[in-house]
């Protein structure tokens, strides 16, 4: 797993939060992909990191197929709004087979423009996925209090 910001402690917290959701009603295979997206967020490049997220407002997952795609819009601790989306192909997050795009949203932007990203699957905003991601965020915060 690539960590552009080199912060292994943050990645460890994300992975601990994911493990805590296994076998719960919040579990789902898409969470593994979203963990990959979260671990690749780079505050310097994207303008925010996972620890800046306060809540996920909305999320989407692409249509079922051989490749995975998904993303979210989130609220940051400083009140700004941001988005991140990712794509994983056949090699599931191996170099050259995946990427993410992330950044801050402008004041009037409700959602980022996804249609311009070549080769991305159709998507629909999914309230259930947003709730699962919020549960993951809550557990990332909890992981900070652990050993």
C-alpha atoms as a PDB file:
ATOM      1  CA  UNK A   1       0.000   0.000   0.000  1.00  0.00           C
ATOM      2  CA  UNK A   2       1.452   3.307  -1.083  1.00  0.00           C
ATOM      3  CA  UNK A   3       1.435   6.087   1.501  1.00  0.00           C
ATOM      4  CA  UNK A   4       2.397   9.323  -0.255  1.00  0.00           C
ATOM      5  CA  UNK A   5       2.727  11.233   3.017  1.00  0.00           C
ATOM      6  CA  UNK A   6       4.857   8.438   4.568  1.00  0.00           C
ATOM      7  CA  UNK A   7       2.754   8.447   7.728  1.00  0.00           C
ATOM      8  CA  UNK A   8       2.654   4.799   8.770  1.00  0.00           C
ATOM      9  CA  UNK A   9       0.891   5.655  12.035  1.00  0.00           C
ATOM     10  CA  UNK A  10      -2.085   7.080  10.117  1.00  0.00           C
ATOM     11  CA  UNK A  11      -2.200   4.031   7.839  1.00  0.00           C
ATOM     12  CA  UNK A  12      -2.083   1.811  10.934  1.00  0.00           C
ATOM     13  CA  UNK A  13      -5.064   3.655  12.407  1.00  0.00           C
ATOM     14  CA  UNK A  14      -7.021   3.276   9.158  1.00  0.00           C
ATOM     15  CA  UNK A  15      -6.259  -0.455   8.996  1.00  0.00           C
ATOM     16  CA  UNK A  16      -7.168  -0.965  12.682  1.00  0.00           C
ATOM     17  CA  UNK A  17     -10.486   0.793  12.076  1.00  0.00           C
ATOM     18  CA  UNK A  18     -11.159  -1.441   9.059  1.00  0.00           C
ATOM     19  CA  UNK A  19     -10.374  -4.600  11.047  1.00  0.00           C
ATOM     20  CA  UNK A  20     -12.774  -3.446  13.791  1.00  0.00           C
ATOM     21  CA  UNK A  21     -15.622  -3.355  11.237  1.00  0.00           C
ATOM     22  CA  UNK A  22     -15.139  -6.939   9.996  1.00  0.00           C
ATOM     23  CA  UNK A  23     -18.221  -9.038  10.691  1.00  0.00           C
ATOM     24  CA  UNK A  24     -20.318  -6.050  11.797  1.00  0.00           C
ATOM     25  CA  UNK A  25     -23.368  -4.655  10.003  1.00  0.00           C
ATOM     26  CA  UNK A  26     -21.036  -1.891   8.731  1.00  0.00           C
ATOM     27  CA  UNK A  27     -18.789  -4.393   6.891  1.00  0.00           C
ATOM     28  CA  UNK A  28     -18.644  -4.624   3.114  1.00  0.00           C
ATOM     29  CA  UNK A  29     -16.120  -5.371   0.376  1.00  0.00           C
ATOM     30  CA  UNK A  30     -16.172  -1.760  -0.818  1.00  0.00           C
ATOM     31  CA  UNK A  31     -14.643  -0.667   2.508  1.00  0.00           C
ATOM     32  CA  UNK A  32     -11.377  -2.378   1.542  1.00  0.00           C
ATOM     33  CA  UNK A  33     -11.214  -0.237  -1.590  1.00  0.00           C
ATOM     34  CA  UNK A  34     -12.074   2.934   0.308  1.00  0.00           C
ATOM     35  CA  UNK A  35      -9.279   2.126   2.784  1.00  0.00           C
ATOM     36  CA  UNK A  36      -6.909   2.140  -0.192  1.00  0.00           C
ATOM     37  CA  UNK A  37      -8.234   5.556  -1.242  1.00  0.00           C
ATOM     38  CA  UNK A  38      -7.901   6.957   2.292  1.00  0.00           C
ATOM     39  CA  UNK A  39      -4.343   5.648   2.665  1.00  0.00           C
ATOM     40  CA  UNK A  40      -3.355   7.402  -0.570  1.00  0.00           C
ATOM     41  CA  UNK A  41      -4.614  10.848   0.439  1.00  0.00           C
ATOM     42  CA  UNK A  42      -1.700  13.266   0.587  1.00  0.00           C
ATOM     43  CA  UNK A  43      -2.335  16.575   2.385  1.00  0.00           C
ATOM     44  CA  UNK A  44       0.350  18.354   0.351  1.00  0.00           C
ATOM     45  CA  UNK A  45      -0.926  17.162  -3.015  1.00  0.00           C
ATOM     46  CA  UNK A  46      -4.676  16.926  -2.364  1.00  0.00           C
ATOM     47  CA  UNK A  47      -5.152  19.711   0.193  1.00  0.00           C
ATOM     48  CA  UNK A  48      -6.387  17.371   2.938  1.00  0.00           C
ATOM     49  CA  UNK A  49      -5.672  14.036   4.561  1.00  0.00           C
ATOM     50  CA  UNK A  50      -7.821  11.395   6.204  1.00  0.00           C
ATOM     51  CA  UNK A  51      -7.359  12.914   9.677  1.00  0.00           C
ATOM     52  CA  UNK A  52      -8.832  16.195   8.382  1.00  0.00           C
ATOM     53  CA  UNK A  53     -12.161  14.486   7.587  1.00  0.00           C
ATOM     54  CA  UNK A  54     -14.995  15.068  10.050  1.00  0.00           C
ATOM     55  CA  UNK A  55     -17.855  13.437   8.120  1.00  0.00           C
ATOM     56  CA  UNK A  56     -18.695  11.893   4.779  1.00  0.00           C
ATOM     57  CA  UNK A  57     -21.638  13.738   3.233  1.00  0.00           C
ATOM     58  CA  UNK A  58     -22.146  11.417   0.284  1.00  0.00           C
ATOM     59  CA  UNK A  59     -20.410   8.498  -1.378  1.00  0.00           C
ATOM     60  CA  UNK A  60     -20.655   6.523  -4.581  1.00  0.00           C
ATOM     61  CA  UNK A  61     -19.544   3.150  -5.869  1.00  0.00           C
ATOM     62  CA  UNK A  62     -19.311   2.285  -9.559  1.00  0.00           C
ATOM     63  CA  UNK A  63     -21.363  -0.363 -11.274  1.00  0.00           C
ATOM     64  CA  UNK A  64     -20.266  -3.939 -10.657  1.00  0.00           C
ATOM     65  CA  UNK A  65     -17.576  -4.964 -13.099  1.00  0.00           C
ATOM     66  CA  UNK A  66     -14.000  -6.138 -13.306  1.00  0.00           C
ATOM     67  CA  UNK A  67     -12.626  -2.802 -12.159  1.00  0.00           C
ATOM     68  CA  UNK A  68     -13.686  -0.981  -8.982  1.00  0.00           C
ATOM     69  CA  UNK A  69     -14.380   2.717  -8.684  1.00  0.00           C
ATOM     70  CA  UNK A  70     -15.814   4.822  -5.908  1.00  0.00           C
ATOM     71  CA  UNK A  71     -15.555   8.135  -4.166  1.00  0.00           C
ATOM     72  CA  UNK A  72     -16.932  10.490  -1.578  1.00  0.00           C
ATOM     73  CA  UNK A  73     -17.570  14.082  -0.621  1.00  0.00           C
ATOM     74  CA  UNK A  74     -16.528  14.935   2.912  1.00  0.00           C
ATOM     75  CA  UNK A  75     -16.581  17.807   5.361  1.00  0.00           C
ATOM     76  CA  UNK A  76     -13.241  18.817   6.863  1.00  0.00           C
ATOM     77  CA  UNK A  77     -12.500  19.953  10.416  1.00  0.00           C
ATOM     78  CA  UNK A  78     -11.927  23.522   9.209  1.00  0.00           C
ATOM     79  CA  UNK A  79     -15.343  23.657   7.490  1.00  0.00           C
ATOM     80  CA  UNK A  80     -14.134  23.195   3.931  1.00  0.00           C
ATOM     81  CA  UNK A  81     -15.505  20.401   1.746  1.00  0.00           C
ATOM     82  CA  UNK A  82     -13.406  17.941  -0.201  1.00  0.00           C
ATOM     83  CA  UNK A  83     -13.760  14.959  -2.506  1.00  0.00           C
ATOM     84  CA  UNK A  84     -11.761  11.856  -3.295  1.00  0.00           C
ATOM     85  CA  UNK A  85     -12.346   9.090  -5.793  1.00  0.00           C
ATOM     86  CA  UNK A  86     -10.374   6.054  -6.794  1.00  0.00           C
ATOM     87  CA  UNK A  87     -10.160   3.313  -9.379  1.00  0.00           C
ATOM     88  CA  UNK A  88      -8.641  -0.155  -9.103  1.00  0.00           C
ATOM     89  CA  UNK A  89      -8.291  -2.511 -12.037  1.00  0.00           C
ATOM     90  CA  UNK A  90      -7.467  -6.186 -12.386  1.00  0.00           C
ATOM     91  CA  UNK A  91      -4.394  -6.037 -10.126  1.00  0.00           C
ATOM     92  CA  UNK A  92      -6.380  -4.366  -7.299  1.00  0.00           C
ATOM     93  CA  UNK A  93      -4.335  -1.314  -6.313  1.00  0.00           C
ATOM     94  CA  UNK A  94      -1.026  -2.414  -7.797  1.00  0.00           C
ATOM     95  CA  UNK A  95       1.095   0.355  -9.293  1.00  0.00           C
ATOM     96  CA  UNK A  96      -0.118   1.355 -12.731  1.00  0.00           C
ATOM     97  CA  UNK A  97      -3.479  -0.367 -12.220  1.00  0.00           C
ATOM     98  CA  UNK A  98      -5.075   2.182  -9.906  1.00  0.00           C
ATOM     99  CA  UNK A  99      -5.246   5.853  -9.140  1.00  0.00           C
ATOM    100  CA  UNK A 100      -7.038   8.413  -7.037  1.00  0.00           C
ATOM    101  CA  UNK A 101      -8.070  11.995  -7.588  1.00  0.00           C
ATOM    102  CA  UNK A 102      -8.841  14.280  -4.686  1.00  0.00           C
ATOM    103  CA  UNK A 103      -9.152  17.939  -3.922  1.00  0.00           C
ATOM    104  CA  UNK A 104     -11.172  20.686  -2.344  1.00  0.00           C
ATOM    105  CA  UNK A 105     -14.621  21.656  -3.588  1.00  0.00           C
ATOM    106  CA  UNK A 106     -15.517  25.236  -4.412  1.00  0.00           C
ATOM    107  CA  UNK A 107     -18.097  27.040  -2.282  1.00  0.00           C
ATOM    108  CA  UNK A 108     -21.061  26.295  -4.558  1.00  0.00           C
ATOM    109  CA  UNK A 109     -20.035  22.821  -5.681  1.00  0.00           C
ATOM    110  CA  UNK A 110     -22.270  20.069  -4.329  1.00  0.00           C
ATOM    111  CA  UNK A 111     -20.373  17.192  -5.978  1.00  0.00           C
ATOM    112  CA  UNK A 112     -17.208  16.962  -8.087  1.00  0.00           C
ATOM    113  CA  UNK A 113     -17.414  16.511 -11.850  1.00  0.00           C
ATOM    114  CA  UNK A 114     -16.757  12.813 -12.462  1.00  0.00           C
ATOM    115  CA  UNK A 115     -17.845  12.469 -16.075  1.00  0.00           C
ATOM    116  CA  UNK A 116     -14.669  14.021 -17.439  1.00  0.00           C
ATOM    117  CA  UNK A 117     -12.507  11.249 -15.967  1.00  0.00           C
ATOM    118  CA  UNK A 118     -11.922   8.926 -18.939  1.00  0.00           C
ATOM    119  CA  UNK A 119     -12.832   5.265 -18.466  1.00  0.00           C
ATOM    120  CA  UNK A 120     -14.681   5.577 -15.151  1.00  0.00           C
ATOM    121  CA  UNK A 121     -17.795   3.510 -14.611  1.00  0.00           C
ATOM    122  CA  UNK A 122     -21.272   4.902 -14.165  1.00  0.00           C
ATOM    123  CA  UNK A 123     -22.097   5.679 -10.564  1.00  0.00           C
ATOM    124  CA  UNK A 124     -24.899   6.713  -8.253  1.00  0.00           C
ATOM    125  CA  UNK A 125     -24.650   8.388  -4.876  1.00  0.00           C
ATOM    126  CA  UNK A 126     -25.195   5.800  -2.124  1.00  0.00           C
ATOM    127  CA  UNK A 127     -26.374   6.852   1.366  1.00  0.00           C
ATOM    128  CA  UNK A 128     -25.568   3.424   2.829  1.00  0.00           C
ATOM    129  CA  UNK A 129     -21.954   3.678   1.694  1.00  0.00           C
ATOM    130  CA  UNK A 130     -21.687   7.150   3.226  1.00  0.00           C
ATOM    131  CA  UNK A 131     -22.926   5.739   6.562  1.00  0.00           C
ATOM    132  CA  UNK A 132     -20.361   2.913   6.426  1.00  0.00           C
ATOM    133  CA  UNK A 133     -17.583   5.401   5.697  1.00  0.00           C
ATOM    134  CA  UNK A 134     -18.691   7.569   8.618  1.00  0.00           C
ATOM    135  CA  UNK A 135     -18.516   4.518  10.869  1.00  0.00           C
ATOM    136  CA  UNK A 136     -14.993   3.863   9.563  1.00  0.00           C
ATOM    137  CA  UNK A 137     -14.012   7.494  10.304  1.00  0.00           C
ATOM    138  CA  UNK A 138     -15.392   7.202  13.842  1.00  0.00           C
ATOM    139  CA  UNK A 139     -13.263   4.100  14.395  1.00  0.00           C
ATOM    140  CA  UNK A 140     -10.163   5.811  13.006  1.00  0.00           C
ATOM    141  CA  UNK A 141     -10.614   8.418  15.750  1.00  0.00           C
ATOM    142  CA  UNK A 142     -11.098   5.634  18.299  1.00  0.00           C
ATOM    143  CA  UNK A 143      -7.920   3.908  17.086  1.00  0.00           C
ATOM    144  CA  UNK A 144      -6.020   7.055  18.075  1.00  0.00           C
ATOM    145  CA  UNK A 145      -7.035   6.447  21.714  1.00  0.00           C
ATOM    146  CA  UNK A 146      -5.830   2.824  21.693  1.00  0.00           C
ATOM    147  CA  UNK A 147      -2.385   1.388  22.425  1.00  0.00           C
END
